[in-house]
Amino acid sequence: MAGIGIKRTLTGLQEVVAALSQIDIGNRDTTPMMDEIGAAMVASTQLRFEDEKDPDGNPWPPSIRAKAEGGQTLTNRARLRQSQTHNASERKVEWGTDLIYAAIHQLGGTIRAKGGGKLKFKIPGGGFAQVDQVTIPARPYLGVNAENEAEILAIVSDWITRETQGAVL
């Protein structure tokens, strides 16, 4: 998956790590567990678009379009929200989007016209604007919060329980 990414190592998982170290996962396929984690994190990310809040629960700065025309920030056509997906493998899971403009919304930044020209775009209410640059505030939608960590822990715990039923630890 090309695009932006955030790498996060979860902490506070000592009991899960200890349990995983006590079972032989070397010959077990963890892809289904990673797939379940990825699906849960995509669902959580998509809910942030509905709530218009970052992973920590802070509201996104409203967009000019949303203020002028109503509607939601980052959800004019819902392409960014709908493009959220995940890739699971045996040892990791990635989730996010490959849309070229995803990073500017996640991280914020300034967009300048190439070649010293002007940026031209439609403005709410009709007409067009031409400017040298536009500053986009960060509106983080990707990330892992405490609720997500708890959900990941539950998924891992359930997987360990299923994998070790009948096994002697």
Protein backbone atom coordinates (compact mmCIF):
# COMPACT_ATOMS: atom_id res chain seq x y z
CA MET A 1 0.00 0.00 0.00
CA ALA A 2 1.62 3.24 -1.10
CA GLY A 3 0.69 6.51 0.56
CA ILE A 4 1.10 7.78 4.08
CA GLY A 5 1.63 5.62 7.09
CA ILE A 6 2.00 5.82 10.80
CA LYS A 7 4.02 3.20 12.60
CA ARG A 8 2.91 2.56 16.15
CA THR A 9 4.12 -0.03 18.60
CA LEU A 10 1.51 -0.69 21.23
CA THR A 11 2.64 -0.62 24.83
CA GLY A 12 0.90 -1.97 27.89
CA LEU A 13 0.46 -5.37 26.29
CA GLN A 14 2.76 -7.24 28.68
CA GLU A 15 0.27 -10.02 29.42
CA VAL A 16 -0.40 -10.59 25.72
CA VAL A 17 3.29 -10.55 24.86
CA ALA A 18 3.96 -13.00 27.71
CA ALA A 19 1.19 -15.30 26.53
CA LEU A 20 2.40 -15.14 22.93
CA SER A 21 5.93 -15.98 24.04
CA GLN A 22 4.64 -19.10 25.82
CA ILE A 23 3.01 -20.57 22.76
CA ASP A 24 4.67 -21.58 19.54
CA ILE A 25 3.24 -19.11 17.04
CA GLY A 26 6.02 -19.85 14.58
CA ASN A 27 3.88 -22.45 12.82
CA ARG A 28 0.57 -20.67 13.32
CA ASP A 29 -0.81 -18.30 10.71
CA THR A 30 -1.63 -15.00 12.41
CA THR A 31 -2.95 -13.46 9.17
CA PRO A 32 -6.61 -13.91 10.20
CA MET A 33 -5.89 -12.11 13.49
CA MET A 34 -4.07 -9.30 11.66
CA ASP A 35 -6.95 -9.11 9.17
CA GLU A 36 -9.43 -8.71 12.03
CA ILE A 37 -7.28 -5.98 13.60
CA GLY A 38 -7.04 -4.19 10.23
CA ALA A 39 -10.79 -4.34 9.67
CA ALA A 40 -11.41 -2.95 13.16
CA MET A 41 -8.96 -0.09 12.63
CA VAL A 42 -10.47 0.79 9.23
CA ALA A 43 -13.93 0.89 10.85
CA SER A 44 -12.59 3.12 13.63
CA THR A 45 -10.92 5.42 11.09
CA GLN A 46 -14.15 5.71 9.10
CA LEU A 47 -16.06 6.66 12.25
CA ARG A 48 -13.66 9.57 12.72
CA PHE A 49 -14.95 11.01 9.45
CA GLU A 50 -18.51 10.82 10.79
CA ASP A 51 -17.52 12.38 14.11
CA GLU A 52 -15.06 14.85 12.50
CA LYS A 53 -12.57 14.16 15.29
CA ASP A 54 -8.97 13.04 15.48
CA PRO A 55 -7.95 9.80 17.24
CA ASP A 56 -7.68 11.66 20.57
CA GLY A 57 -11.24 13.01 20.26
CA ASN A 58 -10.28 16.57 19.31
CA PRO A 59 -12.59 18.17 16.71
CA TRP A 60 -11.11 18.86 13.28
CA PRO A 61 -10.94 22.49 12.21
CA PRO A 62 -13.99 22.89 9.95
CA SER A 63 -13.26 23.35 6.26
CA ILE A 64 -14.29 26.52 4.45
CA ARG A 65 -16.59 24.43 2.24
CA ALA A 66 -18.31 22.77 5.21
CA LYS A 67 -18.84 26.17 6.87
CA ALA A 68 -20.20 27.80 3.72
CA GLU A 69 -22.27 24.97 2.26
CA GLY A 70 -22.96 22.76 5.24
CA GLY A 71 -21.97 19.16 5.33
CA GLN A 72 -18.93 17.62 6.89
CA THR A 73 -15.26 18.41 6.75
CA LEU A 74 -13.24 15.94 4.61
CA THR A 75 -16.48 14.38 3.38
CA ASN A 76 -17.59 16.36 0.33
CA ARG A 77 -17.57 13.27 -1.91
CA ALA A 78 -16.47 10.85 0.85
CA ARG A 79 -13.66 9.50 -1.35
CA LEU A 80 -11.01 9.76 1.38
CA ARG A 81 -13.24 8.03 3.94
CA GLN A 82 -14.28 5.29 1.53
CA SER A 83 -10.70 4.66 0.38
CA GLN A 84 -9.59 3.44 3.81
CA THR A 85 -8.44 -0.16 3.57
CA HIS A 86 -6.03 -2.61 5.16
CA ASN A 87 -3.42 -5.19 4.23
CA ALA A 88 -2.80 -8.07 6.61
CA SER A 89 0.09 -10.50 6.61
CA GLU A 90 1.37 -13.07 9.05
CA ARG A 91 3.33 -10.61 11.19
CA LYS A 92 1.81 -7.18 10.59
CA VAL A 93 -1.18 -5.18 9.47
CA GLU A 94 -1.28 -1.85 7.65
CA TRP A 95 -4.29 0.38 7.20
CA GLY A 96 -4.86 3.70 5.51
CA THR A 97 -5.27 4.97 1.97
CA ASP A 98 -3.20 5.45 -1.15
CA LEU A 99 -4.90 8.68 -2.24
CA ILE A 100 -2.34 11.29 -3.22
CA TYR A 101 -3.97 14.03 -1.13
CA ALA A 102 -4.36 11.97 2.05
CA ALA A 103 -1.13 13.16 3.67
CA ILE A 104 -1.97 16.87 3.47
CA HIS A 105 -5.21 16.26 5.35
CA GLN A 106 -3.59 14.00 7.96
CA LEU A 107 -0.52 16.19 8.57
CA GLY A 108 -1.53 19.63 7.33
CA GLY A 109 0.75 21.84 5.27
CA THR A 110 1.03 24.48 2.62
CA ILE A 111 0.24 23.88 -1.05
CA ARG A 112 1.98 26.12 -3.58
CA ALA A 113 1.48 26.32 -7.32
CA LYS A 114 4.17 24.65 -9.40
CA GLY A 115 6.35 26.87 -11.52
CA GLY A 116 5.51 30.08 -9.67
CA GLY A 117 1.97 30.23 -11.02
CA LYS A 118 -1.27 30.62 -9.15
CA LEU A 119 -3.54 28.04 -7.59
CA LYS A 120 -7.04 28.33 -9.01
CA PHE A 121 -10.03 26.70 -7.36
CA LYS A 122 -13.78 26.98 -7.03
CA ILE A 123 -14.99 28.79 -3.94
CA PRO A 124 -18.22 28.17 -2.01
CA GLY A 125 -21.07 30.29 -3.32
CA GLY A 126 -19.71 30.35 -6.87
CA GLY A 127 -16.77 31.80 -8.66
CA PHE A 128 -13.08 31.03 -8.52
CA ALA A 129 -10.13 32.19 -6.45
CA GLN A 130 -6.50 32.50 -7.53
CA VAL A 131 -3.87 32.48 -4.81
CA ASP A 132 -0.14 31.87 -4.41
CA GLN A 133 -0.63 29.24 -1.73
CA VAL A 134 -3.17 27.54 0.52
CA THR A 135 -2.51 26.32 4.04
CA ILE A 136 -4.42 23.21 5.04
CA PRO A 137 -4.71 22.54 8.79
CA ALA A 138 -3.94 19.05 10.05
CA ARG A 139 -7.06 16.92 10.44
CA PRO A 140 -5.68 13.59 11.64
CA TYR A 141 -7.88 10.61 10.94
CA LEU A 142 -5.28 7.82 11.18
CA GLY A 143 -4.00 6.76 14.56
CA VAL A 144 -4.51 4.47 17.50
CA ASN A 145 -6.14 5.67 20.70
CA ALA A 146 -6.78 3.92 24.03
CA GLU A 147 -10.10 2.51 22.80
CA ASN A 148 -8.37 1.08 19.73
CA GLU A 149 -5.64 -0.43 21.90
CA ALA A 150 -8.27 -2.15 24.03
CA GLU A 151 -9.97 -3.50 20.91
CA ILE A 152 -6.66 -4.79 19.55
CA LEU A 153 -5.93 -6.42 22.90
CA ALA A 154 -9.32 -8.14 22.84
CA ILE A 155 -8.73 -9.43 19.30
CA VAL A 156 -5.27 -10.75 20.22
CA SER A 157 -6.58 -12.28 23.44
CA ASP A 158 -9.41 -14.02 21.59
CA TRP A 159 -6.94 -15.33 19.03
CA ILE A 160 -4.64 -16.68 21.76
CA THR A 161 -7.60 -18.37 23.44
CA ARG A 162 -8.69 -20.01 20.19
CA GLU A 163 -5.15 -21.08 19.29
CA THR A 164 -4.37 -22.53 22.71
CA GLN A 165 -7.61 -24.36 23.42
CA GLY A 166 -6.54 -27.85 24.40
CA ALA A 167 -2.85 -26.90 24.31
CA VAL A 168 -0.67 -27.21 27.38
CA LEU A 169 1.15 -23.98 28.18
